[in-house]
Amino acid sequence: MTTTNIANVTLTTQASVYFDGKCVSHGFTLADGTKKSVGVVLPATLTFNTGAAEIMECVGGNCEYKLAGSNEWKKSGPGEKFSIPANSSFEIRVTEPYHYICHFG
């Protein structure tokens, strides 16, 4: 099921802009202190590095992703998630705007 609303959050109004505007996100914190971000990746092929473990949840559009150490591109669409380990990286290929929630582990 695709997440459509998240209630009772503290939102960072200043956007984080990466890759010359190809990825824009806003961080927020839930009442229990859990940190997440929501954003969009515009058409591109990008490599992201992780500090904490992450779960990427697609809420709109589609992407293909490849985890560090893998040669296999996998697809992710609305309602689907994929996990990235801490201190790792992943490549993402987007041909239409990909809307996501990033859950930090």
PDB file of N, CA and C in Angstrom:
ATOM      1  N   MET A   1       0.840  -1.173   0.000  1.00  0.00           N
ATOM      2  CA  MET A   1       0.000   0.000   0.000  1.00  0.00           C
ATOM      3  C   MET A   1       0.890   1.242   0.000  1.00  0.00           C
ATOM      4  N   THR A   2       0.543   2.211  -0.790  1.00  0.00           N
ATOM      5  CA  THR A   2       1.320   3.435  -0.911  1.00  0.00           C
ATOM      6  C   THR A   2       0.959   4.412   0.199  1.00  0.00           C
ATOM      7  N   THR A   3       1.969   4.968   0.851  1.00  0.00           N
ATOM      8  CA  THR A   3       1.750   5.994   1.863  1.00  0.00           C
ATOM      9  C   THR A   3       1.305   7.276   1.176  1.00  0.00           C
ATOM     10  N   THR A   4       0.199   7.867   1.626  1.00  0.00           N
ATOM     11  CA  THR A   4      -0.300   9.099   1.013  1.00  0.00           C
ATOM     12  C   THR A   4      -0.240  10.292   1.949  1.00  0.00           C
ATOM     13  N   ASN A   5      -0.263  10.065   3.268  1.00  0.00           N
ATOM     14  CA  ASN A   5      -0.200  11.145   4.246  1.00  0.00           C
ATOM     15  C   ASN A   5       0.632  10.700   5.439  1.00  0.00           C
ATOM     16  N   ILE A   6       1.327  11.660   6.044  1.00  0.00           N
ATOM     17  CA  ILE A   6       2.065  11.408   7.277  1.00  0.00           C
ATOM     18  C   ILE A   6       1.698  12.540   8.227  1.00  0.00           C
ATOM     19  N   ALA A   7       1.068  12.200   9.346  1.00  0.00           N
ATOM     20  CA  ALA A   7       0.566  13.206  10.281  1.00  0.00           C
ATOM     21  C   ALA A   7       1.582  13.510  11.378  1.00  0.00           C
ATOM     22  N   ASN A   8       1.401  14.663  12.018  1.00  0.00           N
ATOM     23  CA  ASN A   8       2.150  15.045  13.213  1.00  0.00           C
ATOM     24  C   ASN A   8       3.660  14.988  13.027  1.00  0.00           C
ATOM     25  N   VAL A   9       4.162  15.785  12.090  1.00  0.00           N
ATOM     26  CA  VAL A   9       5.591  15.820  11.820  1.00  0.00           C
ATOM     27  C   VAL A   9       6.138  17.228  11.995  1.00  0.00           C
ATOM     28  N   THR A  10       7.440  17.293  12.223  1.00  0.00           N
ATOM     29  CA  THR A  10       8.158  18.554  12.184  1.00  0.00           C
ATOM     30  C   THR A  10       8.932  18.551  10.874  1.00  0.00           C
ATOM     31  N   LEU A  11       8.615  19.501  10.003  1.00  0.00           N
ATOM     32  CA  LEU A  11       9.158  19.529   8.647  1.00  0.00           C
ATOM     33  C   LEU A  11      10.273  20.560   8.530  1.00  0.00           C
ATOM     34  N   THR A  12      11.349  20.181   7.854  1.00  0.00           N
ATOM     35  CA  THR A  12      12.410  21.115   7.505  1.00  0.00           C
ATOM     36  C   THR A  12      11.989  21.805   6.214  1.00  0.00           C
ATOM     37  N   THR A  13      11.763  23.105   6.264  1.00  0.00           N
ATOM     38  CA  THR A  13      11.240  23.803   5.091  1.00  0.00           C
ATOM     39  C   THR A  13      12.294  24.063   4.027  1.00  0.00           C
ATOM     40  N   GLN A  14      13.565  24.109   4.399  1.00  0.00           N
ATOM     41  CA  GLN A  14      14.639  24.283   3.422  1.00  0.00           C
ATOM     42  C   GLN A  14      14.891  22.949   2.737  1.00  0.00           C
ATOM     43  N   ALA A  15      14.760  22.927   1.428  1.00  0.00           N
ATOM     44  CA  ALA A  15      14.961  21.686   0.673  1.00  0.00           C
ATOM     45  C   ALA A  15      16.439  21.331   0.583  1.00  0.00           C
ATOM     46  N   SER A  16      16.703  20.037   0.491  1.00  0.00           N
ATOM     47  CA  SER A  16      18.035  19.537   0.152  1.00  0.00           C
ATOM     48  C   SER A  16      18.016  19.293  -1.348  1.00  0.00           C
ATOM     49  N   VAL A  17      18.937  19.920  -2.065  1.00  0.00           N
ATOM     50  CA  VAL A  17      18.989  19.811  -3.523  1.00  0.00           C
ATOM     51  C   VAL A  17      20.300  19.127  -3.902  1.00  0.00           C
ATOM     52  N   TYR A  18      20.190  18.034  -4.653  1.00  0.00           N
ATOM     53  CA  TYR A  18      21.359  17.246  -5.034  1.00  0.00           C
ATOM     54  C   TYR A  18      21.448  17.156  -6.551  1.00  0.00           C
ATOM     55  N   PHE A  19      22.647  16.890  -7.049  1.00  0.00           N
ATOM     56  CA  PHE A  19      22.866  16.617  -8.465  1.00  0.00           C
ATOM     57  C   PHE A  19      22.271  17.698  -9.359  1.00  0.00           C
ATOM     58  N   ASP A  20      22.613  18.959  -9.070  1.00  0.00           N
ATOM     59  CA  ASP A  20      22.159  20.093  -9.884  1.00  0.00           C
ATOM     60  C   ASP A  20      20.640  20.122 -10.049  1.00  0.00           C
ATOM     61  N   GLY A  21      19.928  19.753  -8.994  1.00  0.00           N
ATOM     62  CA  GLY A  21      18.471  19.821  -9.021  1.00  0.00           C
ATOM     63  C   GLY A  21      17.785  18.562  -9.506  1.00  0.00           C
ATOM     64  N   LYS A  22      18.531  17.511  -9.785  1.00  0.00           N
ATOM     65  CA  LYS A  22      17.911  16.258 -10.240  1.00  0.00           C
ATOM     66  C   LYS A  22      17.233  15.508  -9.091  1.00  0.00           C
ATOM     67  N   CYS A  23      17.573  15.847  -7.855  1.00  0.00           N
ATOM     68  CA  CYS A  23      16.924  15.265  -6.675  1.00  0.00           C
ATOM     69  C   CYS A  23      16.695  16.385  -5.669  1.00  0.00           C
ATOM     70  N   VAL A  24      15.458  16.519  -5.224  1.00  0.00           N
ATOM     71  CA  VAL A  24      15.096  17.529  -4.229  1.00  0.00           C
ATOM     72  C   VAL A  24      14.293  16.833  -3.137  1.00  0.00           C
ATOM     73  N   SER A  25      14.668  17.058  -1.872  1.00  0.00           N
ATOM     74  CA  SER A  25      13.951  16.409  -0.774  1.00  0.00           C
ATOM     75  C   SER A  25      13.789  17.346   0.408  1.00  0.00           C
ATOM     76  N   HIS A  26      12.826  17.000   1.250  1.00  0.00           N
ATOM     77  CA  HIS A  26      12.585  17.705   2.505  1.00  0.00           C
ATOM     78  C   HIS A  26      12.632  16.679   3.636  1.00  0.00           C
ATOM     79  N   GLY A  27      13.412  16.983   4.670  1.00  0.00           N
ATOM     80  CA  GLY A  27      13.491  16.116   5.833  1.00  0.00           C
ATOM     81  C   GLY A  27      12.388  16.440   6.817  1.00  0.00           C
ATOM     82  N   PHE A  28      11.973  15.421   7.556  1.00  0.00           N
ATOM     83  CA  PHE A  28      11.002  15.644   8.623  1.00  0.00           C
ATOM     84  C   PHE A  28      11.234  14.645   9.736  1.00  0.00           C
ATOM     85  N   THR A  29      10.707  14.966  10.917  1.00  0.00           N
ATOM     86  CA  THR A  29      10.863  14.127  12.100  1.00  0.00           C
ATOM     87  C   THR A  29       9.487  13.811  12.652  1.00  0.00           C
ATOM     88  N   LEU A  30       9.245  12.538  12.943  1.00  0.00           N
ATOM     89  CA  LEU A  30       7.989  12.116  13.552  1.00  0.00           C
ATOM     90  C   LEU A  30       8.016  12.436  15.043  1.00  0.00           C
ATOM     91  N   ALA A  31       6.863  12.370  15.681  1.00  0.00           N
ATOM     92  CA  ALA A  31       6.749  12.678  17.113  1.00  0.00           C
ATOM     93  C   ALA A  31       7.664  11.806  17.964  1.00  0.00           C
ATOM     94  N   ASP A  32       7.945  10.567  17.516  1.00  0.00           N
ATOM     95  CA  ASP A  32       8.807   9.663  18.290  1.00  0.00           C
ATOM     96  C   ASP A  32      10.298   9.868  18.008  1.00  0.00           C
ATOM     97  N   GLY A  33      10.636  10.875  17.172  1.00  0.00           N
ATOM     98  CA  GLY A  33      12.029  11.177  16.867  1.00  0.00           C
ATOM     99  C   GLY A  33      12.555  10.512  15.605  1.00  0.00           C
ATOM    100  N   THR A  34      11.766   9.660  14.960  1.00  0.00           N
ATOM    101  CA  THR A  34      12.177   8.987  13.731  1.00  0.00           C
ATOM    102  C   THR A  34      12.342  10.012  12.613  1.00  0.00           C
ATOM    103  N   LYS A  35      13.457   9.929  11.891  1.00  0.00           N
ATOM    104  CA  LYS A  35      13.737  10.861  10.798  1.00  0.00           C
ATOM    105  C   LYS A  35      13.467  10.201   9.450  1.00  0.00           C
ATOM    106  N   LYS A  36      12.879  10.983   8.544  1.00  0.00           N
ATOM    107  CA  LYS A  36      12.565  10.527   7.196  1.00  0.00           C
ATOM    108  C   LYS A  36      12.731  11.713   6.255  1.00  0.00           C
ATOM    109  N   SER A  37      12.645  11.452   4.964  1.00  0.00           N
ATOM    110  CA  SER A  37      12.590  12.539   3.996  1.00  0.00           C
ATOM    111  C   SER A  37      11.635  12.149   2.881  1.00  0.00           C
ATOM    112  N   VAL A  38      11.083  13.150   2.224  1.00  0.00           N
ATOM    113  CA  VAL A  38      10.250  12.942   1.044  1.00  0.00           C
ATOM    114  C   VAL A  38      10.834  13.789  -0.068  1.00  0.00           C
ATOM    115  N   GLY A  39      10.757  13.279  -1.290  1.00  0.00           N
ATOM    116  CA  GLY A  39      11.319  14.050  -2.380  1.00  0.00           C
ATOM    117  C   GLY A  39      10.981  13.478  -3.729  1.00  0.00           C
ATOM    118  N   VAL A  40      11.666  14.018  -4.718  1.00  0.00           N
ATOM    119  CA  VAL A  40      11.480  13.599  -6.094  1.00  0.00           C
ATOM    120  C   VAL A  40      12.843  13.545  -6.775  1.00  0.00           C
ATOM    121  N   VAL A  41      13.020  12.505  -7.607  1.00  0.00           N
ATOM    122  CA  VAL A  41      14.194  12.392  -8.469  1.00  0.00           C
ATOM    123  C   VAL A  41      13.690  12.597  -9.889  1.00  0.00           C
ATOM    124  N   LEU A  42      14.296  13.542 -10.592  1.00  0.00           N
ATOM    125  CA  LEU A  42      13.932  13.815 -11.976  1.00  0.00           C
ATOM    126  C   LEU A  42      14.732  12.906 -12.910  1.00  0.00           C
ATOM    127  N   PRO A  43      14.321  12.771 -14.175  1.00  0.00           N
ATOM    128  CA  PRO A  43      14.995  11.843 -15.081  1.00  0.00           C
ATOM    129  C   PRO A  43      16.517  12.012 -15.088  1.00  0.00           C
ATOM    130  N   ALA A  44      17.199  10.910 -14.744  1.00  0.00           N
ATOM    131  CA  ALA A  44      18.667  10.897 -14.654  1.00  0.00           C
ATOM    132  C   ALA A  44      19.096   9.510 -14.208  1.00  0.00           C
ATOM    133  N   THR A  45      20.401   9.263 -14.239  1.00  0.00           N
ATOM    134  CA  THR A  45      21.013   8.113 -13.593  1.00  0.00           C
ATOM    135  C   THR A  45      21.981   8.681 -12.569  1.00  0.00           C
ATOM    136  N   LEU A  46      21.744   8.360 -11.286  1.00  0.00           N
ATOM    137  CA  LEU A  46      22.490   8.974 -10.182  1.00  0.00           C
ATOM    138  C   LEU A  46      23.010   7.898  -9.239  1.00  0.00           C
ATOM    139  N   THR A  47      24.070   8.228  -8.496  1.00  0.00           N
ATOM    140  CA  THR A  47      24.600   7.337  -7.464  1.00  0.00           C
ATOM    141  C   THR A  47      24.494   8.036  -6.115  1.00  0.00           C
ATOM    142  N   PHE A  48      23.846   7.377  -5.172  1.00  0.00           N
ATOM    143  CA  PHE A  48      23.687   7.898  -3.818  1.00  0.00           C
ATOM    144  C   PHE A  48      24.504   7.055  -2.858  1.00  0.00           C
ATOM    145  N   ASN A  49      25.146   7.706  -1.895  1.00  0.00           N
ATOM    146  CA  ASN A  49      25.865   7.033  -0.822  1.00  0.00           C
ATOM    147  C   ASN A  49      25.015   7.104   0.438  1.00  0.00           C
ATOM    148  N   THR A  50      25.054   6.045   1.247  1.00  0.00           N
ATOM    149  CA  THR A  50      24.296   6.022   2.490  1.00  0.00           C
ATOM    150  C   THR A  50      25.219   6.065   3.691  1.00  0.00           C
ATOM    151  N   GLY A  51      24.771   6.733   4.735  1.00  0.00           N
ATOM    152  CA  GLY A  51      25.415   6.667   6.034  1.00  0.00           C
ATOM    153  C   GLY A  51      24.644   5.641   6.850  1.00  0.00           C
ATOM    154  N   ALA A  52      23.394   6.000   7.186  1.00  0.00           N
ATOM    155  CA  ALA A  52      22.484   5.071   7.861  1.00  0.00           C
ATOM    156  C   ALA A  52      21.833   4.170   6.814  1.00  0.00           C
ATOM    157  N   ALA A  53      21.313   3.047   7.271  1.00  0.00           N
ATOM    158  CA  ALA A  53      20.529   2.193   6.377  1.00  0.00           C
ATOM    159  C   ALA A  53      19.296   2.971   5.932  1.00  0.00           C
ATOM    160  N   GLU A  54      18.823   2.702   4.717  1.00  0.00           N
ATOM    161  CA  GLU A  54      17.669   3.405   4.176  1.00  0.00           C
ATOM    162  C   GLU A  54      16.703   2.427   3.545  1.00  0.00           C
ATOM    163  N   ILE A  55      15.432   2.786   3.591  1.00  0.00           N
ATOM    164  CA  ILE A  55      14.404   2.097   2.813  1.00  0.00           C
ATOM    165  C   ILE A  55      13.764   3.159   1.937  1.00  0.00           C
ATOM    166  N   MET A  56      13.802   2.933   0.634  1.00  0.00           N
ATOM    167  CA  MET A  56      13.193   3.844  -0.326  1.00  0.00           C
ATOM    168  C   MET A  56      11.807   3.313  -0.675  1.00  0.00           C
ATOM    169  N   GLU A  57      10.790   4.129  -0.425  1.00  0.00           N
ATOM    170  CA  GLU A  57       9.409   3.767  -0.728  1.00  0.00           C
ATOM    171  C   GLU A  57       8.922   4.630  -1.881  1.00  0.00           C
ATOM    172  N   CYS A  58       8.485   4.001  -2.955  1.00  0.00           N
ATOM    173  CA  CYS A  58       7.974   4.736  -4.110  1.00  0.00           C
ATOM    174  C   CYS A  58       6.519   5.129  -3.867  1.00  0.00           C
ATOM    175  N   VAL A  59       6.216   6.419  -4.009  1.00  0.00           N
ATOM    176  CA  VAL A  59       4.840   6.892  -3.885  1.00  0.00           C
ATOM    177  C   VAL A  59       4.301   7.421  -5.210  1.00  0.00           C
ATOM    178  N   GLY A  60       5.144   7.482  -6.235  1.00  0.00           N
ATOM    179  CA  GLY A  60       4.714   7.896  -7.560  1.00  0.00           C
ATOM    180  C   GLY A  60       5.836   7.738  -8.559  1.00  0.00           C
ATOM    181  N   GLY A  61       5.488   7.390  -9.793  1.00  0.00           N
ATOM    182  CA  GLY A  61       6.508   7.176 -10.814  1.00  0.00           C
ATOM    183  C   GLY A  61       7.135   5.809 -10.673  1.00  0.00           C
ATOM    184  N   ASN A  62       8.263   5.619 -11.312  1.00  0.00           N
ATOM    185  CA  ASN A  62       8.985   4.351 -11.302  1.00  0.00           C
ATOM    186  C   ASN A  62      10.473   4.631 -11.342  1.00  0.00           C
ATOM    187  N   CYS A  63      11.247   3.637 -10.929  1.00  0.00           N
ATOM    188  CA  CYS A  63      12.699   3.734 -11.058  1.00  0.00           C
ATOM    189  C   CYS A  63      13.265   2.345 -11.260  1.00  0.00           C
ATOM    190  N   GLU A  64      14.514   2.309 -11.653  1.00  0.00           N
ATOM    191  CA  GLU A  64      15.313   1.102 -11.604  1.00  0.00           C
ATOM    192  C   GLU A  64      16.471   1.413 -10.663  1.00  0.00           C
ATOM    193  N   TYR A  65      16.884   0.441  -9.878  1.00  0.00           N
ATOM    194  CA  TYR A  65      17.979   0.658  -8.934  1.00  0.00           C
ATOM    195  C   TYR A  65      18.927  -0.527  -8.959  1.00  0.00           C
ATOM    196  N   LYS A  66      20.158  -0.254  -8.578  1.00  0.00           N
ATOM    197  CA  LYS A  66      21.199  -1.279  -8.495  1.00  0.00           C
ATOM    198  C   LYS A  66      21.996  -1.014  -7.227  1.00  0.00           C
ATOM    199  N   LEU A  67      22.010  -1.985  -6.327  1.00  0.00           N
ATOM    200  CA  LEU A  67      22.747  -1.847  -5.073  1.00  0.00           C
ATOM    201  C   LEU A  67      24.237  -2.049  -5.303  1.00  0.00           C
ATOM    202  N   ALA A  68      25.048  -1.448  -4.450  1.00  0.00           N
ATOM    203  CA  ALA A  68      26.506  -1.613  -4.531  1.00  0.00           C
ATOM    204  C   ALA A  68      26.848  -3.094  -4.501  1.00  0.00           C
ATOM    205  N   GLY A  69      27.776  -3.492  -5.361  1.00  0.00           N
ATOM    206  CA  GLY A  69      28.206  -4.877  -5.413  1.00  0.00           C
ATOM    207  C   GLY A  69      27.334  -5.772  -6.279  1.00  0.00           C
ATOM    208  N   SER A  70      26.255  -5.217  -6.833  1.00  0.00           N
ATOM    209  CA  SER A  70      25.365  -5.996  -7.689  1.00  0.00           C
ATOM    210  C   SER A  70      25.483  -5.510  -9.131  1.00  0.00           C
ATOM    211  N   ASN A  71      25.230  -6.399 -10.062  1.00  0.00           N
ATOM    212  CA  ASN A  71      25.176  -6.021 -11.472  1.00  0.00           C
ATOM    213  C   ASN A  71      23.741  -6.001 -11.979  1.00  0.00           C
ATOM    214  N   GLU A  72      22.786  -6.276 -11.084  1.00  0.00           N
ATOM    215  CA  GLU A  72      21.387  -6.427 -11.478  1.00  0.00           C
ATOM    216  C   GLU A  72      20.565  -5.168 -11.200  1.00  0.00           C
ATOM    217  N   TRP A  73      19.945  -4.629 -12.253  1.00  0.00           N
ATOM    218  CA  TRP A  73      19.006  -3.525 -12.108  1.00  0.00           C
ATOM    219  C   TRP A  73      17.640  -4.112 -11.762  1.00  0.00           C
ATOM    220  N   LYS A  74      16.988  -3.562 -10.745  1.00  0.00           N
ATOM    221  CA  LYS A  74      15.652  -4.000 -10.327  1.00  0.00           C
ATOM    222  C   LYS A  74      14.701  -2.820 -10.445  1.00  0.00           C
ATOM    223  N   LYS A  75      13.413  -3.109 -10.644  1.00  0.00           N
ATOM    224  CA  LYS A  75      12.414  -2.053 -10.794  1.00  0.00           C
ATOM    225  C   LYS A  75      11.668  -1.832  -9.490  1.00  0.00           C
ATOM    226  N   SER A  76      11.229  -0.587  -9.282  1.00  0.00           N
ATOM    227  CA  SER A  76      10.413  -0.235  -8.125  1.00  0.00           C
ATOM    228  C   SER A  76       9.362   0.767  -8.574  1.00  0.00           C
ATOM    229  N   GLY A  77       8.118   0.491  -8.222  1.00  0.00           N
ATOM    230  CA  GLY A  77       7.012   1.371  -8.590  1.00  0.00           C
ATOM    231  C   GLY A  77       6.163   1.705  -7.383  1.00  0.00           C
ATOM    232  N   PRO A  78       5.054   2.397  -7.578  1.00  0.00           N
ATOM    233  CA  PRO A  78       4.203   2.832  -6.475  1.00  0.00           C
ATOM    234  C   PRO A  78       3.840   1.703  -5.511  1.00  0.00           C
ATOM    235  N   GLY A  79       4.048   1.970  -4.220  1.00  0.00           N
ATOM    236  CA  GLY A  79       3.753   0.999  -3.180  1.00  0.00           C
ATOM    237  C   GLY A  79       4.879   0.017  -2.922  1.00  0.00           C
ATOM    238  N   GLU A  80       5.943   0.070  -3.731  1.00  0.00           N
ATOM    239  CA  GLU A  80       7.060  -0.852  -3.550  1.00  0.00           C
ATOM    240  C   GLU A  80       8.209  -0.158  -2.816  1.00  0.00           C
ATOM    241  N   LYS A  81       9.032  -0.968  -2.139  1.00  0.00           N
ATOM    242  CA  LYS A  81      10.160  -0.458  -1.358  1.00  0.00           C
ATOM    243  C   LYS A  81      11.407  -1.258  -1.689  1.00  0.00           C
ATOM    244  N   PHE A  82      12.558  -0.618  -1.488  1.00  0.00           N
ATOM    245  CA  PHE A  82      13.819  -1.364  -1.531  1.00  0.00           C
ATOM    246  C   PHE A  82      14.734  -0.829  -0.448  1.00  0.00           C
ATOM    247  N   SER A  83      15.600  -1.718   0.058  1.00  0.00           N
ATOM    248  CA  SER A  83      16.463  -1.406   1.197  1.00  0.00           C
ATOM    249  C   SER A  83      17.912  -1.278   0.758  1.00  0.00           C
ATOM    250  N   ILE A  84      18.597  -0.317   1.376  1.00  0.00           N
ATOM    251  CA  ILE A  84      20.008  -0.087   1.134  1.00  0.00           C
ATOM    252  C   ILE A  84      20.721  -0.173   2.487  1.00  0.00           C
ATOM    253  N   PRO A  85      21.784  -0.972   2.585  1.00  0.00           N
ATOM    254  CA  PRO A  85      22.496  -1.070   3.860  1.00  0.00           C
ATOM    255  C   PRO A  85      23.208   0.240   4.221  1.00  0.00           C
ATOM    256  N   ALA A  86      23.548   0.367   5.504  1.00  0.00           N
ATOM    257  CA  ALA A  86      24.329   1.512   5.974  1.00  0.00           C
ATOM    258  C   ALA A  86      25.710   1.490   5.322  1.00  0.00           C
ATOM    259  N   ASN A  87      26.282   2.675   5.168  1.00  0.00           N
ATOM    260  CA  ASN A  87      27.639   2.822   4.636  1.00  0.00           C
ATOM    261  C   ASN A  87      27.814   2.085   3.312  1.00  0.00           C
ATOM    262  N   SER A  88      26.870   2.293   2.410  1.00  0.00           N
ATOM    263  CA  SER A  88      26.884   1.641   1.117  1.00  0.00           C
ATOM    264  C   SER A  88      26.490   2.659   0.053  1.00  0.00           C
ATOM    265  N   SER A  89      26.030   2.183  -1.092  1.00  0.00           N
ATOM    266  CA  SER A  89      25.578   3.080  -2.151  1.00  0.00           C
ATOM    267  C   SER A  89      24.603   2.338  -3.050  1.00  0.00           C
ATOM    268  N   PHE A  90      23.895   3.115  -3.867  1.00  0.00           N
ATOM    269  CA  PHE A  90      23.033   2.539  -4.883  1.00  0.00           C
ATOM    270  C   PHE A  90      22.943   3.497  -6.053  1.00  0.00           C
ATOM    271  N   GLU A  91      22.731   2.916  -7.230  1.00  0.00           N
ATOM    272  CA  GLU A  91      22.477   3.708  -8.420  1.00  0.00           C
ATOM    273  C   GLU A  91      20.975   3.689  -8.668  1.00  0.00           C
ATOM    274  N   ILE A  92      20.462   4.787  -9.183  1.00  0.00           N
ATOM    275  CA  ILE A  92      19.047   4.873  -9.504  1.00  0.00           C
ATOM    276  C   ILE A  92      18.909   5.458 -10.901  1.00  0.00           C
ATOM    277  N   ARG A  93      18.052   4.830 -11.720  1.00  0.00           N
ATOM    278  CA  ARG A  93      17.747   5.296 -13.078  1.00  0.00           C
ATOM    279  C   ARG A  93      16.289   5.682 -13.111  1.00  0.00           C
ATOM    280  N   VAL A  94      16.033   6.904 -13.558  1.00  0.00           N
ATOM    281  CA  VAL A  94      14.675   7.435 -13.571  1.00  0.00           C
ATOM    282  C   VAL A  94      14.397   8.022 -14.951  1.00  0.00           C
ATOM    283  N   THR A  95      13.252   7.669 -15.540  1.00  0.00           N
ATOM    284  CA  THR A  95      12.875   8.218 -16.849  1.00  0.00           C
ATOM    285  C   THR A  95      11.659   9.138 -16.747  1.00  0.00           C
ATOM    286  N   GLU A  96      11.004   9.140 -15.594  1.00  0.00           N
ATOM    287  CA  GLU A  96       9.897  10.046 -15.297  1.00  0.00           C
ATOM    288  C   GLU A  96      10.062  10.426 -13.831  1.00  0.00           C
ATOM    289  N   PRO A  97       9.479  11.517 -13.363  1.00  0.00           N
ATOM    290  CA  PRO A  97       9.676  11.877 -11.959  1.00  0.00           C
ATOM    291  C   PRO A  97       9.325  10.717 -11.017  1.00  0.00           C
ATOM    292  N   TYR A  98      10.254  10.424 -10.112  1.00  0.00           N
ATOM    293  CA  TYR A  98      10.122   9.359  -9.124  1.00  0.00           C
ATOM    294  C   TYR A  98       9.936  10.008  -7.763  1.00  0.00           C
ATOM    295  N   HIS A  99       8.755   9.841  -7.168  1.00  0.00           N
ATOM    296  CA  HIS A  99       8.418  10.435  -5.872  1.00  0.00           C
ATOM    297  C   HIS A  99       8.639   9.380  -4.790  1.00  0.00           C
ATOM    298  N   TYR A 100       9.295   9.763  -3.709  1.00  0.00           N
ATOM    299  CA  TYR A 100       9.680   8.760  -2.713  1.00  0.00           C
ATOM    300  C   TYR A 100       9.574   9.284  -1.284  1.00  0.00           C
ATOM    301  N   ILE A 101       9.550   8.311  -0.368  1.00  0.00           N
ATOM    302  CA  ILE A 101       9.780   8.552   1.055  1.00  0.00           C
ATOM    303  C   ILE A 101      11.024   7.746   1.389  1.00  0.00           C
ATOM    304  N   CYS A 102      11.985   8.384   2.026  1.00  0.00           N
ATOM    305  CA  CYS A 102      13.182   7.691   2.473  1.00  0.00           C
ATOM    306  C   CYS A 102      13.058   7.482   3.985  1.00  0.00           C
ATOM    307  N   HIS A 103      13.034   6.210   4.388  1.00  0.00           N
ATOM    308  CA  HIS A 103      12.957   5.838   5.800  1.00  0.00           C
ATOM    309  C   HIS A 103      14.368   5.509   6.244  1.00  0.00           C
ATOM    310  N   PHE A 104      14.887   6.248   7.213  1.00  0.00           N
ATOM    311  CA  PHE A 104      16.254   6.026   7.694  1.00  0.00           C
ATOM    312  C   PHE A 104      16.240   4.996   8.813  1.00  0.00           C
ATOM    313  N   GLY A 105      17.196   4.052   8.754  1.00  0.00           N
ATOM    314  CA  GLY A 105      17.225   2.958   9.733  1.00  0.00           C
ATOM    315  C   GLY A 105      18.152   3.206  10.869  1.00  0.00           C
TER     316      GLY A 105
END
